[in-house]
């Protein structure tokens, strides 16, 4: 996948996460990243130096754990989400 395409996909996933009520933060960390609850709200923290492929995977895998029934997801994005476990 081209770098620009990955950046666009990452932006789309960040927007979808926001619609699902998940805040995404990129921080300097030694941790691999993942989702937690902070002050009662879902939060995904990812190392800001992580590769785009990794960021995409972490966000997509965690979005899939949420109730998305009331959120419009384009067929293309559904395909992307379905490609992650």
PDB file of N, CA and C in Angstrom:
ATOM      1  N   UNK A   1       0.859  -1.183   0.000  1.00  0.00           N
ATOM      2  CA  UNK A   1       0.000   0.000   0.000  1.00  0.00           C
ATOM      3  C   UNK A   1       0.899   1.238   0.000  1.00  0.00           C
ATOM      4  N   UNK A   2       0.601   2.189  -0.843  1.00  0.00           N
ATOM      5  CA  UNK A   2       1.405   3.408  -0.954  1.00  0.00           C
ATOM      6  C   UNK A   2       1.317   4.222   0.334  1.00  0.00           C
ATOM      7  N   UNK A   3       2.381   4.966   0.616  1.00  0.00           N
ATOM      8  CA  UNK A   3       2.448   5.739   1.861  1.00  0.00           C
ATOM      9  C   UNK A   3       1.275   6.717   1.977  1.00  0.00           C
ATOM     10  N   UNK A   4       0.940   7.413   0.892  1.00  0.00           N
ATOM     11  CA  UNK A   4      -0.167   8.366   0.923  1.00  0.00           C
ATOM     12  C   UNK A   4      -1.489   7.655   1.190  1.00  0.00           C
ATOM     13  N   UNK A   5      -1.655   6.470   0.606  1.00  0.00           N
ATOM     14  CA  UNK A   5      -2.861   5.684   0.817  1.00  0.00           C
ATOM     15  C   UNK A   5      -2.956   5.257   2.276  1.00  0.00           C
ATOM     16  N   UNK A   6      -1.835   4.871   2.872  1.00  0.00           N
ATOM     17  CA  UNK A   6      -1.818   4.489   4.285  1.00  0.00           C
ATOM     18  C   UNK A   6      -2.195   5.668   5.177  1.00  0.00           C
ATOM     19  N   UNK A   7      -1.675   6.839   4.854  1.00  0.00           N
ATOM     20  CA  UNK A   7      -1.998   8.040   5.641  1.00  0.00           C
ATOM     21  C   UNK A   7      -3.492   8.332   5.568  1.00  0.00           C
ATOM     22  N   UNK A   8      -4.082   8.214   4.367  1.00  0.00           N
ATOM     23  CA  UNK A   8      -5.513   8.450   4.207  1.00  0.00           C
ATOM     24  C   UNK A   8      -6.328   7.421   4.988  1.00  0.00           C
ATOM     25  N   UNK A   9      -5.915   6.163   4.931  1.00  0.00           N
ATOM     26  CA  UNK A   9      -6.604   5.112   5.662  1.00  0.00           C
ATOM     27  C   UNK A   9      -6.510   5.371   7.165  1.00  0.00           C
ATOM     28  N   UNK A  10      -5.346   5.779   7.616  1.00  0.00           N
ATOM     29  CA  UNK A  10      -5.158   6.088   9.033  1.00  0.00           C
ATOM     30  C   UNK A  10      -6.085   7.220   9.464  1.00  0.00           C
ATOM     31  N   UNK A  11      -6.189   8.259   8.649  1.00  0.00           N
ATOM     32  CA  UNK A  11      -7.090   9.373   8.958  1.00  0.00           C
ATOM     33  C   UNK A  11      -8.544   8.911   9.008  1.00  0.00           C
ATOM     34  N   UNK A  12      -8.941   8.064   8.078  1.00  0.00           N
ATOM     35  CA  UNK A  12     -10.307   7.554   8.058  1.00  0.00           C
ATOM     36  C   UNK A  12     -10.591   6.707   9.296  1.00  0.00           C
ATOM     37  N   UNK A  13      -9.632   5.895   9.698  1.00  0.00           N
ATOM     38  CA  UNK A  13      -9.802   5.079  10.901  1.00  0.00           C
ATOM     39  C   UNK A  13      -9.879   5.950  12.149  1.00  0.00           C
ATOM     40  N   UNK A  14      -9.074   7.010  12.208  1.00  0.00           N
ATOM     41  CA  UNK A  14      -9.128   7.929  13.344  1.00  0.00           C
ATOM     42  C   UNK A  14     -10.507   8.592  13.426  1.00  0.00           C
ATOM     43  N   UNK A  15     -11.064   8.971  12.282  1.00  0.00           N
ATOM     44  CA  UNK A  15     -12.407   9.574  12.252  1.00  0.00           C
ATOM     45  C   UNK A  15     -13.463   8.570  12.697  1.00  0.00           C
ATOM     46  N   UNK A  16     -13.350   7.337  12.238  1.00  0.00           N
ATOM     47  CA  UNK A  16     -14.297   6.303  12.634  1.00  0.00           C
ATOM     48  C   UNK A  16     -14.195   6.028  14.136  1.00  0.00           C
ATOM     49  N   UNK A  17     -12.979   5.997  14.647  1.00  0.00           N
ATOM     50  CA  UNK A  17     -12.788   5.801  16.083  1.00  0.00           C
ATOM     51  C   UNK A  17     -13.493   6.911  16.864  1.00  0.00           C
ATOM     52  N   UNK A  18     -13.338   8.127  16.406  1.00  0.00           N
ATOM     53  CA  UNK A  18     -13.984   9.263  17.065  1.00  0.00           C
ATOM     54  C   UNK A  18     -15.501   9.103  17.055  1.00  0.00           C
ATOM     55  N   UNK A  19     -16.069   8.696  15.919  1.00  0.00           N
ATOM     56  CA  UNK A  19     -17.513   8.482  15.825  1.00  0.00           C
ATOM     57  C   UNK A  19     -17.971   7.368  16.772  1.00  0.00           C
ATOM     58  N   UNK A  20     -17.091   6.397  17.010  1.00  0.00           N
ATOM     59  CA  UNK A  20     -17.402   5.282  17.904  1.00  0.00           C
ATOM     60  C   UNK A  20     -17.154   5.651  19.367  1.00  0.00           C
ATOM     61  N   UNK A  21     -16.706   6.879  19.600  1.00  0.00           N
ATOM     62  CA  UNK A  21     -16.479   7.335  20.966  1.00  0.00           C
ATOM     63  C   UNK A  21     -15.111   7.005  21.520  1.00  0.00           C
ATOM     64  N   UNK A  22     -14.185   6.676  20.635  1.00  0.00           N
ATOM     65  CA  UNK A  22     -12.831   6.322  21.053  1.00  0.00           C
ATOM     66  C   UNK A  22     -11.888   7.475  20.725  1.00  0.00           C
ATOM     67  N   UNK A  23     -11.129   7.904  21.714  1.00  0.00           N
ATOM     68  CA  UNK A  23     -10.110   8.916  21.464  1.00  0.00           C
ATOM     69  C   UNK A  23      -8.806   8.191  21.111  1.00  0.00           C
ATOM     70  N   UNK A  24      -8.101   8.690  20.108  1.00  0.00           N
ATOM     71  CA  UNK A  24      -6.817   8.111  19.694  1.00  0.00           C
ATOM     72  C   UNK A  24      -5.727   9.120  20.000  1.00  0.00           C
ATOM     73  N   UNK A  25      -4.713   8.661  20.738  1.00  0.00           N
ATOM     74  CA  UNK A  25      -3.573   9.535  21.047  1.00  0.00           C
ATOM     75  C   UNK A  25      -2.276   8.846  20.643  1.00  0.00           C
ATOM     76  N   UNK A  26      -1.353   9.667  20.133  1.00  0.00           N
ATOM     77  CA  UNK A  26      -0.017   9.190  19.784  1.00  0.00           C
ATOM     78  C   UNK A  26       0.949   9.826  20.767  1.00  0.00           C
ATOM     79  N   UNK A  27       1.675   8.981  21.484  1.00  0.00           N
ATOM     80  CA  UNK A  27       2.583   9.473  22.506  1.00  0.00           C
ATOM     81  C   UNK A  27       3.913   8.745  22.422  1.00  0.00           C
ATOM     82  N   UNK A  28       4.911   9.349  23.028  1.00  0.00           N
ATOM     83  CA  UNK A  28       6.202   8.688  23.138  1.00  0.00           C
ATOM     84  C   UNK A  28       6.060   7.658  24.256  1.00  0.00           C
ATOM     85  N   UNK A  29       6.203   6.408  23.875  1.00  0.00           N
ATOM     86  CA  UNK A  29       6.036   5.337  24.847  1.00  0.00           C
ATOM     87  C   UNK A  29       6.864   4.129  24.448  1.00  0.00           C
ATOM     88  N   UNK A  30       7.190   3.336  25.413  1.00  0.00           N
ATOM     89  CA  UNK A  30       7.892   2.074  25.158  1.00  0.00           C
ATOM     90  C   UNK A  30       6.883   0.952  24.922  1.00  0.00           C
ATOM     91  N   UNK A  31       5.621   1.206  25.258  1.00  0.00           N
ATOM     92  CA  UNK A  31       4.573   0.191  25.129  1.00  0.00           C
ATOM     93  C   UNK A  31       4.207  -0.025  23.668  1.00  0.00           C
ATOM     94  N   UNK A  32       3.587  -1.158  23.394  1.00  0.00           N
ATOM     95  CA  UNK A  32       3.181  -1.485  22.029  1.00  0.00           C
ATOM     96  C   UNK A  32       1.964  -0.679  21.608  1.00  0.00           C
ATOM     97  N   UNK A  33       1.163  -0.327  22.551  1.00  0.00           N
ATOM     98  CA  UNK A  33      -0.051   0.428  22.238  1.00  0.00           C
ATOM     99  C   UNK A  33      -1.274  -0.450  22.325  1.00  0.00           C
ATOM    100  N   UNK A  34      -2.413   0.192  22.511  1.00  0.00           N
ATOM    101  CA  UNK A  34      -3.660  -0.544  22.602  1.00  0.00           C
ATOM    102  C   UNK A  34      -4.735   0.334  23.199  1.00  0.00           C
ATOM    103  N   UNK A  35      -5.861  -0.309  23.543  1.00  0.00           N
ATOM    104  CA  UNK A  35      -6.995   0.440  24.061  1.00  0.00           C
ATOM    105  C   UNK A  35      -7.130   0.211  25.556  1.00  0.00           C
ATOM    106  N   UNK A  36      -7.505   1.269  26.246  1.00  0.00           N
ATOM    107  CA  UNK A  36      -7.784   1.208  27.668  1.00  0.00           C
ATOM    108  C   UNK A  36      -8.962   2.145  27.948  1.00  0.00           C
ATOM    109  N   UNK A  37      -9.364   2.212  29.195  1.00  0.00           N
ATOM    110  CA  UNK A  37     -10.402   3.144  29.600  1.00  0.00           C
ATOM    111  C   UNK A  37      -9.760   4.192  30.479  1.00  0.00           C
ATOM    112  N   UNK A  38      -9.975   5.460  30.154  1.00  0.00           N
ATOM    113  CA  UNK A  38      -9.425   6.568  30.920  1.00  0.00           C
ATOM    114  C   UNK A  38     -10.567   7.491  31.286  1.00  0.00           C
ATOM    115  N   UNK A  39     -10.786   7.679  32.579  1.00  0.00           N
ATOM    116  CA  UNK A  39     -11.877   8.503  33.080  1.00  0.00           C
ATOM    117  C   UNK A  39     -13.215   8.071  32.473  1.00  0.00           C
ATOM    118  N   UNK A  40     -13.395   6.757  32.352  1.00  0.00           N
ATOM    119  CA  UNK A  40     -14.639   6.199  31.864  1.00  0.00           C
ATOM    120  C   UNK A  40     -14.816   6.197  30.363  1.00  0.00           C
ATOM    121  N   UNK A  41     -13.822   6.636  29.627  1.00  0.00           N
ATOM    122  CA  UNK A  41     -13.908   6.717  28.165  1.00  0.00           C
ATOM    123  C   UNK A  41     -12.851   5.842  27.502  1.00  0.00           C
ATOM    124  N   UNK A  42     -13.219   5.185  26.374  1.00  0.00           N
ATOM    125  CA  UNK A  42     -12.230   4.369  25.667  1.00  0.00           C
ATOM    126  C   UNK A  42     -11.142   5.249  25.036  1.00  0.00           C
ATOM    127  N   UNK A  43      -9.915   4.776  25.142  1.00  0.00           N
ATOM    128  CA  UNK A  43      -8.755   5.521  24.651  1.00  0.00           C
ATOM    129  C   UNK A  43      -7.772   4.545  24.028  1.00  0.00           C
ATOM    130  N   UNK A  44      -7.333   4.860  22.825  1.00  0.00           N
ATOM    131  CA  UNK A  44      -6.274   4.088  22.177  1.00  0.00           C
ATOM    132  C   UNK A  44      -5.007   4.931  22.235  1.00  0.00           C
ATOM    133  N   UNK A  45      -3.956   4.342  22.781  1.00  0.00           N
ATOM    134  CA  UNK A  45      -2.653   5.011  22.836  1.00  0.00           C
ATOM    135  C   UNK A  45      -1.689   4.197  21.984  1.00  0.00           C
ATOM    136  N   UNK A  46      -1.004   4.898  21.097  1.00  0.00           N
ATOM    137  CA  UNK A  46      -0.045   4.250  20.191  1.00  0.00           C
ATOM    138  C   UNK A  46       1.245   5.055  20.205  1.00  0.00           C
ATOM    139  N   UNK A  47       2.372   4.360  20.174  1.00  0.00           N
ATOM    140  CA  UNK A  47       3.667   5.029  20.099  1.00  0.00           C
ATOM    141  C   UNK A  47       3.712   5.870  18.826  1.00  0.00           C
ATOM    142  N   UNK A  48       4.024   7.140  18.983  1.00  0.00           N
ATOM    143  CA  UNK A  48       4.005   8.040  17.822  1.00  0.00           C
ATOM    144  C   UNK A  48       5.037   7.664  16.764  1.00  0.00           C
ATOM    145  N   UNK A  49       6.053   6.902  17.136  1.00  0.00           N
ATOM    146  CA  UNK A  49       7.074   6.495  16.171  1.00  0.00           C
ATOM    147  C   UNK A  49       6.758   5.164  15.489  1.00  0.00           C
ATOM    148  N   UNK A  50       5.633   4.564  15.849  1.00  0.00           N
ATOM    149  CA  UNK A  50       5.245   3.282  15.247  1.00  0.00           C
ATOM    150  C   UNK A  50       4.973   3.469  13.755  1.00  0.00           C
ATOM    151  N   UNK A  51       5.173   2.406  13.011  1.00  0.00           N
ATOM    152  CA  UNK A  51       4.908   2.427  11.560  1.00  0.00           C
ATOM    153  C   UNK A  51       3.409   2.589  11.321  1.00  0.00           C
ATOM    154  N   UNK A  52       3.055   3.195  10.194  1.00  0.00           N
ATOM    155  CA  UNK A  52       1.650   3.401   9.854  1.00  0.00           C
ATOM    156  C   UNK A  52       0.881   2.077   9.822  1.00  0.00           C
ATOM    157  N   UNK A  53       1.496   1.021   9.312  1.00  0.00           N
ATOM    158  CA  UNK A  53       0.829  -0.284   9.269  1.00  0.00           C
ATOM    159  C   UNK A  53       0.418  -0.731  10.672  1.00  0.00           C
ATOM    160  N   UNK A  54       1.290  -0.512  11.631  1.00  0.00           N
ATOM    161  CA  UNK A  54       1.000  -0.892  13.014  1.00  0.00           C
ATOM    162  C   UNK A  54      -0.115  -0.023  13.582  1.00  0.00           C
ATOM    163  N   UNK A  55      -0.059   1.282  13.332  1.00  0.00           N
ATOM    164  CA  UNK A  55      -1.107   2.189  13.815  1.00  0.00           C
ATOM    165  C   UNK A  55      -2.463   1.782  13.249  1.00  0.00           C
ATOM    166  N   UNK A  56      -2.495   1.484  11.965  1.00  0.00           N
ATOM    167  CA  UNK A  56      -3.730   1.063  11.300  1.00  0.00           C
ATOM    168  C   UNK A  56      -4.263  -0.209  11.964  1.00  0.00           C
ATOM    169  N   UNK A  57      -3.400  -1.172  12.195  1.00  0.00           N
ATOM    170  CA  UNK A  57      -3.818  -2.440  12.792  1.00  0.00           C
ATOM    171  C   UNK A  57      -4.382  -2.242  14.196  1.00  0.00           C
ATOM    172  N   UNK A  58      -3.701  -1.469  15.016  1.00  0.00           N
ATOM    173  CA  UNK A  58      -4.157  -1.259  16.400  1.00  0.00           C
ATOM    174  C   UNK A  58      -5.519  -0.578  16.415  1.00  0.00           C
ATOM    175  N   UNK A  59      -5.685   0.459  15.613  1.00  0.00           N
ATOM    176  CA  UNK A  59      -6.962   1.172  15.597  1.00  0.00           C
ATOM    177  C   UNK A  59      -8.069   0.269  15.053  1.00  0.00           C
ATOM    178  N   UNK A  60      -7.824  -0.396  13.939  1.00  0.00           N
ATOM    179  CA  UNK A  60      -8.849  -1.249  13.318  1.00  0.00           C
ATOM    180  C   UNK A  60      -9.263  -2.380  14.257  1.00  0.00           C
ATOM    181  N   UNK A  61      -8.297  -3.050  14.865  1.00  0.00           N
ATOM    182  CA  UNK A  61      -8.608  -4.165  15.759  1.00  0.00           C
ATOM    183  C   UNK A  61      -9.460  -3.709  16.945  1.00  0.00           C
ATOM    184  N   UNK A  62      -9.201  -2.516  17.442  1.00  0.00           N
ATOM    185  CA  UNK A  62      -9.951  -2.035  18.602  1.00  0.00           C
ATOM    186  C   UNK A  62     -11.298  -1.441  18.225  1.00  0.00           C
ATOM    187  N   UNK A  63     -11.403  -0.841  17.056  1.00  0.00           N
ATOM    188  CA  UNK A  63     -12.701  -0.346  16.594  1.00  0.00           C
ATOM    189  C   UNK A  63     -13.668  -1.512  16.465  1.00  0.00           C
ATOM    190  N   UNK A  64     -13.173  -2.642  15.982  1.00  0.00           N
ATOM    191  CA  UNK A  64     -14.034  -3.808  15.792  1.00  0.00           C
ATOM    192  C   UNK A  64     -14.642  -4.306  17.094  1.00  0.00           C
ATOM    193  N   UNK A  65     -14.067  -3.965  18.229  1.00  0.00           N
ATOM    194  CA  UNK A  65     -14.578  -4.395  19.531  1.00  0.00           C
ATOM    195  C   UNK A  65     -15.777  -3.560  19.981  1.00  0.00           C
ATOM    196  N   UNK A  66     -16.021  -2.456  19.300  1.00  0.00           N
ATOM    197  CA  UNK A  66     -17.069  -1.528  19.710  1.00  0.00           C
ATOM    198  C   UNK A  66     -18.391  -1.839  18.994  1.00  0.00           C
ATOM    199  N   UNK A  67     -19.483  -1.332  19.566  1.00  0.00           N
ATOM    200  CA  UNK A  67     -20.793  -1.456  18.940  1.00  0.00           C
ATOM    201  C   UNK A  67     -20.878  -0.401  17.831  1.00  0.00           C
ATOM    202  N   UNK A  68     -20.881  -0.839  16.606  1.00  0.00           N
ATOM    203  CA  UNK A  68     -20.860   0.066  15.459  1.00  0.00           C
ATOM    204  C   UNK A  68     -22.189   0.088  14.700  1.00  0.00           C
ATOM    205  N   UNK A  69     -23.223  -0.501  15.275  1.00  0.00           N
ATOM    206  CA  UNK A  69     -24.506  -0.614  14.565  1.00  0.00           C
ATOM    207  C   UNK A  69     -25.091   0.723  14.134  1.00  0.00           C
ATOM    208  N   UNK A  70     -24.904   1.766  14.921  1.00  0.00           N
ATOM    209  CA  UNK A  70     -25.513   3.060  14.614  1.00  0.00           C
ATOM    210  C   UNK A  70     -24.578   4.011  13.868  1.00  0.00           C
ATOM    211  N   UNK A  71     -23.457   3.498  13.406  1.00  0.00           N
ATOM    212  CA  UNK A  71     -22.465   4.338  12.721  1.00  0.00           C
ATOM    213  C   UNK A  71     -22.361   3.894  11.263  1.00  0.00           C
ATOM    214  N   UNK A  72     -22.480   4.868  10.344  1.00  0.00           N
ATOM    215  CA  UNK A  72     -22.304   4.530   8.934  1.00  0.00           C
ATOM    216  C   UNK A  72     -20.841   4.220   8.680  1.00  0.00           C
ATOM    217  N   UNK A  73     -20.608   3.079   8.062  1.00  0.00           N
ATOM    218  CA  UNK A  73     -19.255   2.681   7.672  1.00  0.00           C
ATOM    219  C   UNK A  73     -19.317   2.328   6.195  1.00  0.00           C
ATOM    220  N   UNK A  74     -18.488   2.993   5.406  1.00  0.00           N
ATOM    221  CA  UNK A  74     -18.484   2.744   3.965  1.00  0.00           C
ATOM    222  C   UNK A  74     -18.114   1.286   3.686  1.00  0.00           C
ATOM    223  N   UNK A  75     -18.571   0.764   2.559  1.00  0.00           N
ATOM    224  CA  UNK A  75     -18.209  -0.609   2.197  1.00  0.00           C
ATOM    225  C   UNK A  75     -16.687  -0.821   2.166  1.00  0.00           C
ATOM    226  N   UNK A  76     -15.963   0.179   1.690  1.00  0.00           N
ATOM    227  CA  UNK A  76     -14.493   0.074   1.634  1.00  0.00           C
ATOM    228  C   UNK A  76     -13.911  -0.066   3.039  1.00  0.00           C
ATOM    229  N   UNK A  77     -14.424   0.737   3.986  1.00  0.00           N
ATOM    230  CA  UNK A  77     -13.918   0.680   5.353  1.00  0.00           C
ATOM    231  C   UNK A  77     -14.330  -0.624   6.024  1.00  0.00           C
ATOM    232  N   UNK A  78     -15.529  -1.126   5.740  1.00  0.00           N
ATOM    233  CA  UNK A  78     -15.948  -2.420   6.288  1.00  0.00           C
ATOM    234  C   UNK A  78     -15.005  -3.527   5.821  1.00  0.00           C
ATOM    235  N   UNK A  79     -14.597  -3.423   4.562  1.00  0.00           N
ATOM    236  CA  UNK A  79     -13.651  -4.398   4.013  1.00  0.00           C
ATOM    237  C   UNK A  79     -12.323  -4.334   4.761  1.00  0.00           C
ATOM    238  N   UNK A  80     -11.871  -3.118   5.033  1.00  0.00           N
ATOM    239  CA  UNK A  80     -10.617  -2.947   5.780  1.00  0.00           C
ATOM    240  C   UNK A  80     -10.764  -3.550   7.176  1.00  0.00           C
ATOM    241  N   UNK A  81     -11.850  -3.214   7.866  1.00  0.00           N
ATOM    242  CA  UNK A  81     -12.057  -3.729   9.228  1.00  0.00           C
ATOM    243  C   UNK A  81     -12.149  -5.252   9.229  1.00  0.00           C
ATOM    244  N   UNK A  82     -12.806  -5.802   8.225  1.00  0.00           N
ATOM    245  CA  UNK A  82     -12.957  -7.264   8.154  1.00  0.00           C
ATOM    246  C   UNK A  82     -11.624  -7.977   7.916  1.00  0.00           C
ATOM    247  N   UNK A  83     -10.642  -7.252   7.423  1.00  0.00           N
ATOM    248  CA  UNK A  83      -9.339  -7.875   7.168  1.00  0.00           C
ATOM    249  C   UNK A  83      -8.503  -8.015   8.447  1.00  0.00           C
ATOM    250  N   UNK A  84      -8.997  -7.449   9.555  1.00  0.00           N
ATOM    251  CA  UNK A  84      -8.304  -7.547  10.840  1.00  0.00           C
ATOM    252  C   UNK A  84      -9.091  -8.450  11.769  1.00  0.00           C
ATOM    253  N   UNK A  85      -8.368  -9.176  12.627  1.00  0.00           N
ATOM    254  CA  UNK A  85      -9.038 -10.077  13.579  1.00  0.00           C
ATOM    255  C   UNK A  85      -9.584  -9.325  14.746  1.00  0.00           C
TER     256      UNK A  85
END
